Amino acid sequence: MQLVPLEMMTIGEHGCVRDVDGSPDFVVRLQEMGLHEGARVRMVKTGSPCILAVNEHRFSLRFDDRATVLVELTR
């Protein structure tokens, strides 16, 4: 199992969220957007903000020190 921080994913990589940790308010907001443990993600565009596909919905996300999202990459 290879876990990487979400911001380290490259364009086109797929994965499954394994952990969302950080400031409780920020973590809740990420979870409301669908970024929770078990969510399937794909990096569409890297950078900050990045474009992320989460369960087939796309959104823009600016990385923040208030939360860390760990993703298990799938091949």
Protein backbone atom coordinates (compact mmCIF):
# COMPACT_ATOMS: atom_id res chain seq x y z
CA MET A 1 0.00 0.00 0.00
CA GLN A 2 1.46 3.34 -1.09
CA LEU A 3 0.06 6.39 0.76
CA VAL A 4 0.87 9.87 -0.51
CA PRO A 5 -0.36 13.33 0.43
CA LEU A 6 -3.04 14.50 -2.01
CA GLU A 7 -0.85 17.39 -3.22
CA MET A 8 1.84 14.89 -4.34
CA MET A 9 -0.44 13.18 -6.86
CA THR A 10 0.35 13.76 -10.52
CA ILE A 11 -2.07 14.47 -13.36
CA GLY A 12 -4.16 11.40 -14.16
CA GLU A 13 -3.30 9.45 -11.00
CA HIS A 14 -6.18 7.70 -9.27
CA GLY A 15 -6.49 6.80 -5.64
CA CYS A 16 -8.67 6.20 -2.63
CA VAL A 17 -8.69 8.58 0.33
CA ARG A 18 -7.42 6.76 3.43
CA ASP A 19 -7.18 9.60 5.96
CA VAL A 20 -8.25 13.23 6.37
CA ASP A 21 -6.65 14.86 9.40
CA GLY A 22 -6.31 18.41 10.67
CA SER A 23 -8.35 21.31 11.95
CA PRO A 24 -11.83 19.93 12.75
CA ASP A 25 -13.70 22.74 10.95
CA PHE A 26 -11.60 22.37 7.81
CA VAL A 27 -11.82 18.56 7.84
CA VAL A 28 -15.62 18.77 8.10
CA ARG A 29 -15.71 21.15 5.11
CA LEU A 30 -13.59 18.76 3.03
CA GLN A 31 -15.84 15.87 4.01
CA GLU A 32 -18.93 17.86 3.00
CA MET A 33 -17.36 18.28 -0.44
CA GLY A 34 -16.94 14.49 -0.67
CA LEU A 35 -13.29 14.26 0.33
CA HIS A 36 -13.64 11.62 3.06
CA GLU A 37 -12.15 8.22 3.82
CA GLY A 38 -13.03 5.80 1.03
CA ALA A 39 -13.68 8.48 -1.62
CA ARG A 40 -12.26 7.72 -5.07
CA VAL A 41 -10.17 10.62 -6.39
CA ARG A 42 -8.37 11.52 -9.63
CA MET A 43 -5.98 14.43 -10.10
CA VAL A 44 -7.13 16.45 -13.12
CA LYS A 45 -4.76 19.43 -12.77
CA THR A 46 -1.93 19.89 -10.29
CA GLY A 47 -1.03 23.09 -8.49
CA SER A 48 -2.71 25.19 -5.86
CA PRO A 49 -5.50 25.36 -6.59
CA CYS A 50 -5.65 21.94 -8.19
CA ILE A 51 -8.61 20.40 -9.98
CA LEU A 52 -9.68 17.16 -8.39
CA ALA A 53 -12.30 14.64 -9.48
CA VAL A 54 -13.99 13.13 -6.43
CA ASN A 55 -16.53 10.38 -7.08
CA GLU A 56 -16.90 11.78 -10.65
CA HIS A 57 -17.52 15.38 -9.46
CA ARG A 58 -14.83 17.97 -10.15
CA PHE A 59 -13.84 20.81 -7.89
CA SER A 60 -10.97 23.18 -7.30
CA LEU A 61 -8.99 22.81 -4.09
CA ARG A 62 -6.31 25.09 -2.67
CA PHE A 63 -3.96 23.15 -0.38
CA ASP A 64 -3.89 24.39 3.19
CA ASP A 65 -1.81 23.61 6.27
CA ARG A 66 -5.03 23.09 8.25
CA ALA A 67 -5.55 19.59 6.83
CA THR A 68 -3.65 16.63 5.41
CA VAL A 69 -5.31 14.19 3.02
CA LEU A 70 -3.58 10.85 2.49
CA VAL A 71 -4.41 8.87 -0.62
CA GLU A 72 -3.68 5.25 -1.50
CA LEU A 73 -2.68 5.26 -5.16
CA THR A 74 -4.27 2.73 -7.49
CA ARG A 75 -2.78 1.55 -10.74
